[in-house]
Amino acid sequence: MGEAIFRALQRFYPRSFRVRYGAEQLEFVRQARAALGPEPGRIHVAAFWMRTVGDHLGAALRIWTRSLPPGKR
């Protein structure tokens, strides 16, 4: 289920960004999730995904904003 959540998050990034960095991002999220341990509590998993969703939505917004022409930002 976690990878499905992250793949949905990746749709917020521009396509060119996903093509270039998508696999690296997914691997990073896999490793970060694995660092929680084999049986983390629900609170830890929920906190991880809340942080991950917030981080990636913010990053996607920054990337889209930077892709706009200077007068449109």
Protein backbone atom coordinates (compact mmCIF):
# COMPACT_ATOMS: atom_id res chain seq x y z
CA MET A 1 0.00 0.00 0.00
CA GLY A 2 2.82 2.42 0.81
CA GLU A 3 4.26 2.39 -2.68
CA ALA A 4 0.82 3.07 -4.11
CA ILE A 5 0.55 6.16 -1.91
CA PHE A 6 3.94 7.36 -3.04
CA ARG A 7 3.27 6.69 -6.71
CA ALA A 8 0.11 8.78 -6.37
CA LEU A 9 2.19 11.57 -4.81
CA GLN A 10 4.62 11.45 -7.70
CA ARG A 11 1.81 12.49 -10.05
CA PHE A 12 2.00 15.98 -8.53
CA TYR A 13 5.50 16.47 -9.97
CA PRO A 14 6.07 17.57 -13.56
CA ARG A 15 6.46 14.59 -15.89
CA SER A 16 10.06 15.47 -16.77
CA PHE A 17 10.93 15.49 -13.06
CA ARG A 18 9.24 12.13 -12.49
CA VAL A 19 11.11 10.57 -15.41
CA ARG A 20 14.45 11.89 -14.19
CA TYR A 21 14.10 11.39 -10.41
CA GLY A 22 11.12 9.10 -9.85
CA ALA A 23 13.05 5.87 -9.30
CA GLU A 24 15.46 7.58 -6.88
CA GLN A 25 12.57 9.09 -4.96
CA LEU A 26 10.84 5.75 -4.67
CA GLU A 27 14.00 4.05 -3.43
CA PHE A 28 14.54 6.82 -0.88
CA VAL A 29 11.00 6.40 0.45
CA ARG A 30 11.42 2.62 0.60
CA GLN A 31 14.60 3.00 2.64
CA ALA A 32 13.07 5.61 4.94
CA ARG A 33 10.05 3.38 5.54
CA ALA A 34 12.29 0.36 6.18
CA ALA A 35 14.20 2.40 8.76
CA LEU A 36 11.05 2.40 10.89
CA GLY A 37 11.71 -1.29 11.51
CA PRO A 38 9.89 -4.50 10.63
CA GLU A 39 6.85 -3.86 12.83
CA PRO A 40 6.44 -0.16 13.58
CA GLY A 41 3.40 1.03 15.45
CA ARG A 42 0.49 2.62 13.66
CA ILE A 43 1.37 6.06 15.04
CA HIS A 44 4.90 5.83 13.60
CA VAL A 45 3.62 4.73 10.21
CA ALA A 46 0.97 7.46 10.18
CA ALA A 47 3.56 10.09 11.17
CA PHE A 48 5.90 8.84 8.45
CA TRP A 49 3.23 9.16 5.76
CA MET A 50 2.00 12.53 7.00
CA ARG A 51 5.56 13.85 6.85
CA THR A 52 6.19 12.22 3.45
CA VAL A 53 2.98 13.57 1.92
CA GLY A 54 3.63 17.07 3.25
CA ASP A 55 7.24 17.08 2.10
CA HIS A 56 6.42 15.89 -1.41
CA LEU A 57 3.42 18.15 -1.96
CA GLY A 58 5.55 21.12 -0.90
CA ALA A 59 8.43 20.03 -3.13
CA ALA A 60 6.14 19.52 -6.13
CA LEU A 61 4.67 22.99 -5.66
CA ARG A 62 8.17 24.53 -5.50
CA ILE A 63 9.23 22.69 -8.66
CA TRP A 64 6.12 23.78 -10.57
CA THR A 65 6.60 27.36 -9.37
CA ARG A 66 10.24 27.40 -10.52
CA SER A 67 9.19 26.14 -13.93
CA LEU A 68 7.03 29.23 -14.50
CA PRO A 69 8.46 32.20 -16.40
CA PRO A 70 9.81 34.88 -14.00
CA GLY A 71 6.89 37.27 -14.58
CA LYS A 72 4.31 34.56 -13.74
CA ARG A 73 5.65 33.48 -10.33
